[in-house]
Amino acid sequence: MKKIVSVTVIALAFLLPVVSLAMDRGEIYDSVMEYTKGLLLNLSTFSEGAKKAFFNGVSRGVKEALNLTEGMKLDPEKLENGLKSVIKTSLLWRLSGRETKLLLGGFGRFVQLGFSIDGASKIVRRFVIRDLGLSAFKKVSWLVNIAVRKYGVSASSLEAILKKKLSMLDLASKKDIIKGIIISIKEKIREAKRR
């Protein structure tokens, strides 16, 4: 009997962190959506239709980011703050709900691939603040995904490249920055192929 009880206790001990994580993610979603509602409440420059579309886009984007990072051992508070920072920046730059969904999904993808939460958030916001364009963001995100998943390039090295290149925006044209990022990622892929 003692053996059965001890096995049950051990099993529960393994299950508890999973249950806690699931609860945390539900709480993160609710908190982020409440935060978004607060941002939109007194925003006079958006029509009611635009507010609704933005809110719905955020909802889908947050769900996507949480699904992408499901099962990862992440700091819930950092994850929540990362999502909120992307949403706030998107709203300040008057992006649509569709565009914000794409950015939130990209944020979740970067974290899933191994980027730090702070680094992923900073990179996504830099694309918005410097008006680099969503097509460039999608292209870079796709290339990062290929580099990590297919060729085993270190996510931390790619994060460092993106942060460095994006910090040079005051010194080079937007086109040159994106070109530099793509060249650097491709070089990492070539290095990985040679190993």
N, C-alpha and C. Protein backbone atom coordinates (compact mmCIF):
# COMPACT_ATOMS: atom_id res chain seq x y z
N MET A 1 0.83 -1.21 0.00
CA MET A 1 0.00 0.00 0.00
C MET A 1 0.86 1.26 0.00
N LYS A 2 1.93 1.20 0.85
CA LYS A 2 2.84 2.34 0.93
C LYS A 2 3.47 2.62 -0.43
N LYS A 3 3.80 1.54 -1.15
CA LYS A 3 4.44 1.67 -2.45
C LYS A 3 3.51 2.37 -3.45
N ILE A 4 2.23 1.99 -3.41
CA ILE A 4 1.24 2.59 -4.32
C ILE A 4 1.09 4.08 -4.03
N VAL A 5 1.03 4.42 -2.74
CA VAL A 5 0.89 5.82 -2.34
C VAL A 5 2.09 6.63 -2.79
N SER A 6 3.29 6.09 -2.59
CA SER A 6 4.51 6.82 -2.97
C SER A 6 4.59 7.03 -4.47
N VAL A 7 4.18 6.02 -5.24
CA VAL A 7 4.17 6.15 -6.70
C VAL A 7 3.19 7.23 -7.12
N THR A 8 2.02 7.27 -6.47
CA THR A 8 1.00 8.27 -6.77
C THR A 8 1.52 9.67 -6.47
N VAL A 9 2.20 9.82 -5.35
CA VAL A 9 2.76 11.12 -4.96
C VAL A 9 3.80 11.59 -5.97
N ILE A 10 4.66 10.65 -6.40
CA ILE A 10 5.69 10.99 -7.38
C ILE A 10 5.05 11.43 -8.70
N ALA A 11 4.01 10.68 -9.12
CA ALA A 11 3.31 11.01 -10.37
C ALA A 11 2.69 12.40 -10.29
N LEU A 12 2.08 12.70 -9.14
CA LEU A 12 1.46 14.02 -8.96
C LEU A 12 2.51 15.13 -8.96
N ALA A 13 3.66 14.82 -8.39
CA ALA A 13 4.75 15.81 -8.35
C ALA A 13 5.18 16.20 -9.76
N PHE A 14 5.17 15.22 -10.67
CA PHE A 14 5.54 15.51 -12.06
C PHE A 14 4.44 16.27 -12.78
N LEU A 15 3.19 16.00 -12.42
CA LEU A 15 2.05 16.62 -13.10
C LEU A 15 1.81 18.05 -12.66
N LEU A 16 2.11 18.38 -11.41
CA LEU A 16 1.81 19.69 -10.87
C LEU A 16 2.42 20.85 -11.65
N PRO A 17 3.71 20.77 -12.05
CA PRO A 17 4.26 21.88 -12.82
C PRO A 17 3.54 22.09 -14.15
N VAL A 18 3.07 21.00 -14.77
CA VAL A 18 2.35 21.10 -16.04
C VAL A 18 1.03 21.82 -15.84
N VAL A 19 0.29 21.43 -14.78
CA VAL A 19 -0.98 22.07 -14.47
C VAL A 19 -0.78 23.54 -14.17
N SER A 20 0.27 23.84 -13.37
CA SER A 20 0.58 25.22 -13.01
C SER A 20 0.88 26.05 -14.24
N LEU A 21 1.65 25.48 -15.19
CA LEU A 21 2.02 26.17 -16.41
C LEU A 21 0.78 26.48 -17.24
N ALA A 22 -0.13 25.49 -17.34
CA ALA A 22 -1.36 25.69 -18.10
C ALA A 22 -2.19 26.82 -17.49
N MET A 23 -2.25 26.84 -16.16
CA MET A 23 -3.00 27.90 -15.47
C MET A 23 -2.35 29.25 -15.71
N ASP A 24 -1.02 29.28 -15.65
CA ASP A 24 -0.28 30.52 -15.89
C ASP A 24 -0.60 31.08 -17.27
N ARG A 25 -0.66 30.20 -18.26
CA ARG A 25 -0.89 30.66 -19.62
C ARG A 25 -2.31 31.21 -19.79
N GLY A 26 -3.27 30.59 -19.13
CA GLY A 26 -4.63 31.12 -19.15
C GLY A 26 -4.69 32.49 -18.50
N GLU A 27 -3.96 32.64 -17.42
CA GLU A 27 -3.91 33.93 -16.72
C GLU A 27 -3.18 34.98 -17.55
N ILE A 28 -2.13 34.55 -18.24
CA ILE A 28 -1.38 35.47 -19.11
C ILE A 28 -2.30 36.01 -20.20
N TYR A 29 -3.05 35.11 -20.84
CA TYR A 29 -3.96 35.52 -21.91
C TYR A 29 -4.97 36.55 -21.39
N ASP A 30 -5.61 36.23 -20.26
CA ASP A 30 -6.62 37.13 -19.69
C ASP A 30 -6.03 38.48 -19.34
N SER A 31 -4.84 38.47 -18.74
CA SER A 31 -4.20 39.72 -18.33
C SER A 31 -3.81 40.57 -19.54
N VAL A 32 -3.28 39.93 -20.58
CA VAL A 32 -2.87 40.66 -21.78
C VAL A 32 -4.08 41.25 -22.49
N MET A 33 -5.17 40.50 -22.55
CA MET A 33 -6.36 41.01 -23.23
C MET A 33 -7.01 42.14 -22.43
N GLU A 34 -6.96 42.06 -21.11
CA GLU A 34 -7.48 43.14 -20.26
C GLU A 34 -6.63 44.40 -20.46
N TYR A 35 -5.34 44.20 -20.57
CA TYR A 35 -4.40 45.31 -20.82
C TYR A 35 -4.71 45.96 -22.17
N THR A 36 -4.94 45.14 -23.19
CA THR A 36 -5.27 45.65 -24.52
C THR A 36 -6.57 46.44 -24.51
N LYS A 37 -7.55 45.91 -23.78
CA LYS A 37 -8.85 46.60 -23.67
C LYS A 37 -8.66 47.98 -23.04
N GLY A 38 -7.79 48.05 -22.02
CA GLY A 38 -7.52 49.33 -21.37
C GLY A 38 -6.85 50.33 -22.30
N LEU A 39 -5.92 49.85 -23.13
CA LEU A 39 -5.25 50.73 -24.09
C LEU A 39 -6.23 51.30 -25.11
N LEU A 40 -7.19 50.48 -25.52
CA LEU A 40 -8.13 50.88 -26.57
C LEU A 40 -9.28 51.75 -26.04
N LEU A 41 -9.53 51.65 -24.75
CA LEU A 41 -10.73 52.27 -24.15
C LEU A 41 -10.86 53.75 -24.49
N ASN A 42 -9.82 54.51 -24.26
CA ASN A 42 -9.90 55.97 -24.47
C ASN A 42 -9.15 56.44 -25.71
N LEU A 43 -8.98 55.52 -26.66
CA LEU A 43 -8.26 55.87 -27.89
C LEU A 43 -9.24 56.46 -28.90
N SER A 44 -9.12 57.75 -29.12
CA SER A 44 -10.09 58.43 -30.00
C SER A 44 -9.73 58.36 -31.48
N THR A 45 -8.47 57.99 -31.77
CA THR A 45 -8.04 57.98 -33.17
C THR A 45 -8.44 56.70 -33.91
N PHE A 46 -8.96 55.72 -33.19
CA PHE A 46 -9.45 54.49 -33.80
C PHE A 46 -10.97 54.49 -33.77
N SER A 47 -11.59 54.09 -34.89
CA SER A 47 -13.04 53.91 -34.89
C SER A 47 -13.38 52.66 -34.08
N GLU A 48 -14.63 52.49 -33.76
CA GLU A 48 -15.04 51.30 -32.99
C GLU A 48 -14.74 50.03 -33.78
N GLY A 49 -14.93 50.11 -35.10
CA GLY A 49 -14.62 48.95 -35.94
C GLY A 49 -13.14 48.61 -35.93
N ALA A 50 -12.30 49.66 -35.97
CA ALA A 50 -10.85 49.45 -35.94
C ALA A 50 -10.40 48.90 -34.59
N LYS A 51 -11.04 49.38 -33.53
CA LYS A 51 -10.72 48.89 -32.18
C LYS A 51 -11.05 47.40 -32.07
N LYS A 52 -12.21 47.03 -32.58
CA LYS A 52 -12.64 45.64 -32.53
C LYS A 52 -11.69 44.75 -33.34
N ALA A 53 -11.31 45.23 -34.53
CA ALA A 53 -10.40 44.46 -35.39
C ALA A 53 -9.03 44.31 -34.73
N PHE A 54 -8.55 45.38 -34.09
CA PHE A 54 -7.26 45.32 -33.40
C PHE A 54 -7.33 44.33 -32.24
N PHE A 55 -8.39 44.41 -31.46
CA PHE A 55 -8.57 43.53 -30.31
C PHE A 55 -8.60 42.06 -30.76
N ASN A 56 -9.35 41.79 -31.82
CA ASN A 56 -9.45 40.42 -32.33
C ASN A 56 -8.10 39.92 -32.87
N GLY A 57 -7.36 40.82 -33.53
CA GLY A 57 -6.04 40.45 -34.02
C GLY A 57 -5.08 40.13 -32.88
N VAL A 58 -5.14 40.94 -31.83
CA VAL A 58 -4.32 40.68 -30.64
C VAL A 58 -4.68 39.34 -30.01
N SER A 59 -5.97 39.09 -29.90
CA SER A 59 -6.43 37.82 -29.31
C SER A 59 -5.86 36.62 -30.05
N ARG A 60 -5.93 36.65 -31.39
CA ARG A 60 -5.41 35.54 -32.19
C ARG A 60 -3.88 35.45 -32.08
N GLY A 61 -3.24 36.62 -32.06
CA GLY A 61 -1.78 36.64 -31.98
C GLY A 61 -1.26 36.14 -30.65
N VAL A 62 -1.92 36.52 -29.57
CA VAL A 62 -1.51 36.07 -28.23
C VAL A 62 -1.70 34.56 -28.11
N LYS A 63 -2.82 34.07 -28.61
CA LYS A 63 -3.07 32.62 -28.58
C LYS A 63 -1.99 31.87 -29.36
N GLU A 64 -1.63 32.41 -30.52
CA GLU A 64 -0.60 31.78 -31.35
C GLU A 64 0.74 31.76 -30.61
N ALA A 65 1.11 32.89 -30.00
CA ALA A 65 2.38 32.97 -29.27
C ALA A 65 2.41 32.00 -28.10
N LEU A 66 1.28 31.90 -27.38
CA LEU A 66 1.21 30.99 -26.23
C LEU A 66 1.25 29.53 -26.69
N ASN A 67 0.61 29.24 -27.81
CA ASN A 67 0.65 27.87 -28.35
C ASN A 67 2.06 27.49 -28.79
N LEU A 68 2.75 28.44 -29.42
CA LEU A 68 4.10 28.18 -29.90
C LEU A 68 5.07 27.91 -28.75
N THR A 69 4.85 28.54 -27.62
CA THR A 69 5.76 28.40 -26.48
C THR A 69 5.26 27.41 -25.44
N GLU A 70 4.19 26.70 -25.77
CA GLU A 70 3.61 25.74 -24.82
C GLU A 70 4.64 24.65 -24.47
N GLY A 71 4.73 24.33 -23.18
CA GLY A 71 5.64 23.29 -22.72
C GLY A 71 7.04 23.79 -22.40
N MET A 72 7.33 25.05 -22.74
CA MET A 72 8.65 25.60 -22.45
C MET A 72 8.69 26.14 -21.02
N LYS A 73 9.85 26.04 -20.40
CA LYS A 73 10.01 26.56 -19.05
C LYS A 73 10.39 28.04 -19.14
N LEU A 74 9.37 28.88 -19.10
CA LEU A 74 9.56 30.32 -19.26
C LEU A 74 9.03 31.05 -18.03
N ASP A 75 9.58 32.21 -17.79
CA ASP A 75 9.09 33.07 -16.71
C ASP A 75 7.75 33.68 -17.16
N PRO A 76 6.63 33.33 -16.51
CA PRO A 76 5.32 33.82 -16.95
C PRO A 76 5.23 35.35 -16.99
N GLU A 77 5.85 35.99 -16.01
CA GLU A 77 5.79 37.46 -15.95
C GLU A 77 6.54 38.09 -17.12
N LYS A 78 7.70 37.52 -17.44
CA LYS A 78 8.48 38.03 -18.58
C LYS A 78 7.73 37.82 -19.89
N LEU A 79 7.11 36.64 -20.03
CA LEU A 79 6.36 36.34 -21.24
C LEU A 79 5.19 37.31 -21.40
N GLU A 80 4.48 37.54 -20.32
CA GLU A 80 3.35 38.47 -20.34
C GLU A 80 3.81 39.88 -20.70
N ASN A 81 4.89 40.33 -20.09
CA ASN A 81 5.40 41.67 -20.37
C ASN A 81 5.91 41.80 -21.80
N GLY A 82 6.50 40.71 -22.32
CA GLY A 82 6.96 40.72 -23.71
C GLY A 82 5.80 40.90 -24.68
N LEU A 83 4.72 40.18 -24.44
CA LEU A 83 3.52 40.30 -25.28
C LEU A 83 2.94 41.71 -25.19
N LYS A 84 2.86 42.23 -23.99
CA LYS A 84 2.29 43.57 -23.79
C LYS A 84 3.12 44.64 -24.49
N SER A 85 4.44 44.49 -24.46
CA SER A 85 5.30 45.50 -25.09
C SER A 85 5.12 45.52 -26.60
N VAL A 86 4.94 44.34 -27.20
CA VAL A 86 4.70 44.27 -28.65
C VAL A 86 3.36 44.92 -28.99
N ILE A 87 2.35 44.66 -28.18
CA ILE A 87 1.01 45.21 -28.42
C ILE A 87 1.02 46.73 -28.29
N LYS A 88 1.67 47.23 -27.24
CA LYS A 88 1.72 48.68 -27.02
C LYS A 88 2.42 49.39 -28.18
N THR A 89 3.54 48.83 -28.62
CA THR A 89 4.29 49.43 -29.74
C THR A 89 3.45 49.41 -31.02
N SER A 90 2.76 48.29 -31.25
CA SER A 90 1.91 48.18 -32.45
C SER A 90 0.82 49.24 -32.44
N LEU A 91 0.24 49.47 -31.27
CA LEU A 91 -0.85 50.44 -31.16
C LEU A 91 -0.32 51.87 -31.32
N LEU A 92 0.84 52.14 -30.74
CA LEU A 92 1.45 53.47 -30.86
C LEU A 92 1.75 53.82 -32.32
N TRP A 93 2.11 52.78 -33.09
CA TRP A 93 2.42 53.00 -34.51
C TRP A 93 1.20 52.73 -35.40
N ARG A 94 0.06 52.61 -34.78
CA ARG A 94 -1.23 52.48 -35.46
C ARG A 94 -1.27 51.31 -36.45
N LEU A 95 -0.72 50.17 -36.03
CA LEU A 95 -0.80 48.99 -36.87
C LEU A 95 -2.18 48.36 -36.74
N SER A 96 -2.54 47.59 -37.74
CA SER A 96 -3.86 46.93 -37.73
C SER A 96 -3.81 45.67 -36.87
N GLY A 97 -4.98 45.11 -36.63
CA GLY A 97 -5.05 43.85 -35.88
C GLY A 97 -4.34 42.72 -36.60
N ARG A 98 -4.46 42.69 -37.92
CA ARG A 98 -3.80 41.65 -38.71
C ARG A 98 -2.29 41.76 -38.60
N GLU A 99 -1.79 42.98 -38.68
CA GLU A 99 -0.35 43.20 -38.57
C GLU A 99 0.17 42.85 -37.18
N THR A 100 -0.60 43.21 -36.17
CA THR A 100 -0.20 42.92 -34.79
C THR A 100 -0.21 41.42 -34.52
N LYS A 101 -1.18 40.72 -35.10
CA LYS A 101 -1.22 39.26 -34.97
C LYS A 101 0.06 38.65 -35.53
N LEU A 102 0.49 39.13 -36.68
CA LEU A 102 1.71 38.63 -37.31
C LEU A 102 2.93 38.86 -36.42
N LEU A 103 3.02 40.04 -35.82
CA LEU A 103 4.14 40.36 -34.95
C LEU A 103 4.15 39.52 -33.68
N LEU A 104 2.98 39.32 -33.10
CA LEU A 104 2.89 38.50 -31.89
C LEU A 104 3.26 37.05 -32.19
N GLY A 105 2.81 36.56 -33.34
CA GLY A 105 3.18 35.21 -33.76
C GLY A 105 4.68 35.10 -33.98
N GLY A 106 5.28 36.15 -34.57
CA GLY A 106 6.72 36.17 -34.78
C GLY A 106 7.48 36.18 -33.47
N PHE A 107 6.98 36.95 -32.51
CA PHE A 107 7.57 36.98 -31.17
C PHE A 107 7.56 35.58 -30.56
N GLY A 108 6.41 34.91 -30.63
CA GLY A 108 6.29 33.55 -30.09
C GLY A 108 7.22 32.57 -30.80
N ARG A 109 7.36 32.74 -32.11
CA ARG A 109 8.24 31.86 -32.89
C ARG A 109 9.70 32.06 -32.49
N PHE A 110 10.12 33.30 -32.32
CA PHE A 110 11.50 33.56 -31.89
C PHE A 110 11.79 32.91 -30.54
N VAL A 111 10.85 33.06 -29.60
CA VAL A 111 11.03 32.46 -28.27
C VAL A 111 11.07 30.94 -28.37
N GLN A 112 10.18 30.38 -29.19
CA GLN A 112 10.14 28.93 -29.38
C GLN A 112 11.47 28.41 -29.92
N LEU A 113 12.10 29.18 -30.80
CA LEU A 113 13.36 28.77 -31.41
C LEU A 113 14.55 28.89 -30.46
N GLY A 114 14.36 29.61 -29.35
CA GLY A 114 15.44 29.71 -28.37
C GLY A 114 15.93 31.12 -28.08
N PHE A 115 15.29 32.13 -28.68
CA PHE A 115 15.63 33.51 -28.35
C PHE A 115 15.17 33.80 -26.93
N SER A 116 15.86 34.73 -26.25
CA SER A 116 15.38 35.17 -24.95
C SER A 116 14.10 35.97 -25.15
N ILE A 117 13.25 36.01 -24.13
CA ILE A 117 11.99 36.76 -24.23
C ILE A 117 12.28 38.24 -24.47
N ASP A 118 13.22 38.79 -23.70
CA ASP A 118 13.56 40.21 -23.84
C ASP A 118 14.12 40.50 -25.23
N GLY A 119 14.99 39.60 -25.72
CA GLY A 119 15.58 39.79 -27.04
C GLY A 119 14.55 39.72 -28.14
N ALA A 120 13.64 38.74 -28.07
CA ALA A 120 12.59 38.59 -29.08
C ALA A 120 11.69 39.82 -29.11
N SER A 121 11.33 40.31 -27.93
CA SER A 121 10.47 41.49 -27.83
C SER A 121 11.15 42.71 -28.43
N LYS A 122 12.42 42.89 -28.09
CA LYS A 122 13.17 44.04 -28.59
C LYS A 122 13.30 44.00 -30.11
N ILE A 123 13.57 42.82 -30.65
CA ILE A 123 13.73 42.66 -32.10
C ILE A 123 12.43 42.99 -32.83
N VAL A 124 11.32 42.43 -32.35
CA VAL A 124 10.02 42.68 -32.99
C VAL A 124 9.68 44.17 -32.94
N ARG A 125 9.89 44.80 -31.79
CA ARG A 125 9.55 46.22 -31.64
C ARG A 125 10.44 47.10 -32.52
N ARG A 126 11.69 46.70 -32.72
CA ARG A 126 12.60 47.45 -33.58
C ARG A 126 12.10 47.47 -35.03
N PHE A 127 11.56 46.35 -35.48
CA PHE A 127 11.01 46.30 -36.83
C PHE A 127 9.87 47.30 -36.98
N VAL A 128 9.07 47.45 -35.93
CA VAL A 128 7.93 48.37 -35.97
C VAL A 128 8.40 49.82 -35.89
N ILE A 129 9.20 50.10 -34.87
CA ILE A 129 9.63 51.48 -34.60
C ILE A 129 10.38 52.09 -35.77
N ARG A 130 11.21 51.26 -36.41
CA ARG A 130 12.01 51.76 -37.54
C ARG A 130 11.32 51.59 -38.88
N ASP A 131 10.06 51.13 -38.83
CA ASP A 131 9.25 51.03 -40.06
C ASP A 131 9.95 50.23 -41.15
N LEU A 132 10.43 49.04 -40.76
CA LEU A 132 11.16 48.20 -41.71
C LEU A 132 10.23 47.38 -42.61
N GLY A 133 8.97 47.30 -42.22
CA GLY A 133 8.00 46.60 -43.05
C GLY A 133 7.76 45.17 -42.65
N LEU A 134 6.51 44.76 -42.76
CA LEU A 134 6.14 43.40 -42.36
C LEU A 134 6.66 42.34 -43.33
N SER A 135 6.83 42.71 -44.58
CA SER A 135 7.35 41.73 -45.53
C SER A 135 8.79 41.38 -45.18
N ALA A 136 9.56 42.38 -44.75
CA ALA A 136 10.94 42.14 -44.32
C ALA A 136 10.95 41.30 -43.04
N PHE A 137 10.02 41.60 -42.14
CA PHE A 137 9.92 40.85 -40.89
C PHE A 137 9.62 39.38 -41.16
N LYS A 138 8.68 39.14 -42.08
CA LYS A 138 8.31 37.75 -42.42
C LYS A 138 9.49 37.02 -43.05
N LYS A 139 10.21 37.70 -43.91
CA LYS A 139 11.36 37.08 -44.60
C LYS A 139 12.45 36.71 -43.60
N VAL A 140 12.76 37.64 -42.69
CA VAL A 140 13.79 37.40 -41.68
C VAL A 140 13.36 36.28 -40.74
N SER A 141 12.09 36.30 -40.31
CA SER A 141 11.56 35.25 -39.41
C SER A 141 11.65 33.87 -40.06
N TRP A 142 11.30 33.82 -41.34
CA TRP A 142 11.35 32.56 -42.08
C TRP A 142 12.79 32.05 -42.17
N LEU A 143 13.72 32.94 -42.45
CA LEU A 143 15.12 32.55 -42.59
C LEU A 143 15.71 32.09 -41.25
N VAL A 144 15.34 32.77 -40.17
CA VAL A 144 15.78 32.37 -38.83
C VAL A 144 15.26 30.97 -38.50
N ASN A 145 14.01 30.73 -38.82
CA ASN A 145 13.40 29.42 -38.57
C ASN A 145 14.15 28.31 -39.31
N ILE A 146 14.45 28.55 -40.59
CA ILE A 146 15.20 27.58 -41.40
C ILE A 146 16.60 27.34 -40.81
N ALA A 147 17.26 28.45 -40.44
CA ALA A 147 18.63 28.36 -39.92
C ALA A 147 18.70 27.50 -38.66
N VAL A 148 17.74 27.70 -37.76
CA VAL A 148 17.75 26.97 -36.48
C VAL A 148 17.28 25.53 -36.66
N ARG A 149 16.14 25.36 -37.33
CA ARG A 149 15.52 24.03 -37.41
C ARG A 149 16.22 23.08 -38.40
N LYS A 150 16.57 23.60 -39.54
CA LYS A 150 17.15 22.74 -40.58
C LYS A 150 18.66 22.59 -40.46
N TYR A 151 19.33 23.68 -40.07
CA TYR A 151 20.80 23.64 -40.09
C TYR A 151 21.43 23.69 -38.69
N GLY A 152 20.60 23.80 -37.65
CA GLY A 152 21.13 23.76 -36.29
C GLY A 152 21.94 24.96 -35.87
N VAL A 153 21.69 26.10 -36.51
CA VAL A 153 22.39 27.33 -36.12
C VAL A 153 21.92 27.75 -34.73
N SER A 154 22.83 28.20 -33.92
CA SER A 154 22.51 28.63 -32.55
C SER A 154 21.56 29.82 -32.55
N ALA A 155 20.45 29.68 -31.81
CA ALA A 155 19.47 30.77 -31.72
C ALA A 155 20.08 32.01 -31.07
N SER A 156 20.95 31.79 -30.08
CA SER A 156 21.56 32.93 -29.38
C SER A 156 22.46 33.74 -30.31
N SER A 157 23.14 33.05 -31.26
CA SER A 157 24.00 33.77 -32.20
C SER A 157 23.16 34.59 -33.18
N LEU A 158 22.01 34.05 -33.58
CA LEU A 158 21.11 34.78 -34.48
C LEU A 158 20.46 35.96 -33.76
N GLU A 159 20.11 35.75 -32.51
CA GLU A 159 19.54 36.85 -31.70
C GLU A 159 20.54 37.99 -31.61
N ALA A 160 21.80 37.64 -31.37
CA ALA A 160 22.86 38.66 -31.25
C ALA A 160 23.02 39.43 -32.57
N ILE A 161 22.97 38.70 -33.69
CA ILE A 161 23.09 39.34 -35.00
C ILE A 161 21.95 40.33 -35.23
N LEU A 162 20.73 39.89 -34.97
CA LEU A 162 19.57 40.75 -35.19
C LEU A 162 19.62 41.99 -34.31
N LYS A 163 19.95 41.81 -33.05
CA LYS A 163 20.01 42.95 -32.13
C LYS A 163 21.09 43.95 -32.56
N LYS A 164 22.23 43.42 -32.98
CA LYS A 164 23.33 44.29 -33.41
C LYS A 164 22.96 45.05 -34.68
N LYS A 165 22.44 44.33 -35.67
CA LYS A 165 22.11 44.97 -36.95
C LYS A 165 20.98 45.99 -36.78
N LEU A 166 19.99 45.65 -35.96
CA LEU A 166 18.85 46.55 -35.77
C LEU A 166 19.23 47.79 -34.95
N SER A 167 20.30 47.70 -34.20
CA SER A 167 20.75 48.86 -33.42
C SER A 167 21.52 49.85 -34.31
N MET A 168 21.82 49.46 -35.53
CA MET A 168 22.58 50.31 -36.46
C MET A 168 21.67 51.11 -37.39
N LEU A 169 20.40 51.13 -37.09
CA LEU A 169 19.45 51.76 -38.01
C LEU A 169 19.67 53.25 -38.22
N ASP A 170 20.27 53.90 -37.23
CA ASP A 170 20.52 55.33 -37.39
C ASP A 170 21.73 55.60 -38.29
N LEU A 171 22.49 54.54 -38.56
CA LEU A 171 23.73 54.70 -39.32
C LEU A 171 23.64 54.17 -40.74
N ALA A 172 22.55 53.52 -41.08
CA ALA A 172 22.43 52.93 -42.42
C ALA A 172 20.97 52.98 -42.89
N SER A 173 20.78 52.81 -44.17
CA SER A 173 19.42 52.82 -44.71
C SER A 173 18.69 51.54 -44.31
N LYS A 174 17.37 51.59 -44.34
CA LYS A 174 16.55 50.42 -43.98
C LYS A 174 16.89 49.23 -44.88
N LYS A 175 17.04 49.53 -46.17
CA LYS A 175 17.34 48.48 -47.14
C LYS A 175 18.67 47.80 -46.82
N ASP A 176 19.66 48.61 -46.45
CA ASP A 176 20.98 48.06 -46.13
C ASP A 176 20.94 47.21 -44.86
N ILE A 177 20.14 47.63 -43.90
CA ILE A 177 20.03 46.88 -42.64
C ILE A 177 19.45 45.50 -42.90
N ILE A 178 18.34 45.44 -43.63
CA ILE A 178 17.70 44.16 -43.93
C ILE A 178 18.64 43.27 -44.74
N LYS A 179 19.29 43.88 -45.73
CA LYS A 179 20.25 43.13 -46.55
C LYS A 179 21.38 42.57 -45.69
N GLY A 180 21.87 43.39 -44.75
CA GLY A 180 22.93 42.95 -43.84
C GLY A 180 22.51 41.80 -42.95
N ILE A 181 21.26 41.86 -42.46
CA ILE A 181 20.72 40.79 -41.61
C ILE A 181 20.66 39.48 -42.39
N ILE A 182 20.11 39.55 -43.59
CA ILE A 182 19.95 38.34 -44.42
C ILE A 182 21.30 37.74 -44.78
N ILE A 183 22.26 38.58 -45.14
CA ILE A 183 23.60 38.10 -45.47
C ILE A 183 24.23 37.40 -44.25
N SER A 184 24.08 38.00 -43.08
CA SER A 184 24.66 37.43 -41.86
C SER A 184 24.04 36.08 -41.50
N ILE A 185 22.72 35.97 -41.66
CA ILE A 185 22.05 34.70 -41.35
C ILE A 185 22.49 33.63 -42.35
N LYS A 186 22.56 33.99 -43.62
CA LYS A 186 22.99 33.04 -44.64
C LYS A 186 24.43 32.57 -44.41
N GLU A 187 25.26 33.47 -43.91
CA GLU A 187 26.64 33.11 -43.59
C GLU A 187 26.68 32.09 -42.45
N LYS A 188 25.81 32.28 -41.46
CA LYS A 188 25.69 31.31 -40.36
C LYS A 188 25.25 29.94 -40.88
N ILE A 189 24.36 29.94 -41.84
CA ILE A 189 23.88 28.70 -42.44
C ILE A 189 25.03 28.00 -43.19
N ARG A 190 25.81 28.79 -43.92
CA ARG A 190 26.96 28.21 -44.65
C ARG A 190 27.98 27.60 -43.68
N GLU A 191 28.20 28.28 -42.57
CA GLU A 191 29.13 27.76 -41.54
C GLU A 191 28.61 26.44 -40.99
N ALA A 192 27.29 26.37 -40.75
CA ALA A 192 26.68 25.16 -40.21
C ALA A 192 26.79 24.00 -41.20
N LYS A 193 26.65 24.30 -42.49
CA LYS A 193 26.75 23.28 -43.53
C LYS A 193 28.17 22.69 -43.60
N ARG A 194 29.17 23.54 -43.32
CA ARG A 194 30.56 23.08 -43.41
C ARG A 194 30.95 22.19 -42.23
N ARG A 195 30.20 22.25 -41.16
CA ARG A 195 30.55 21.46 -39.96
C ARG A 195 30.25 19.99 -40.17
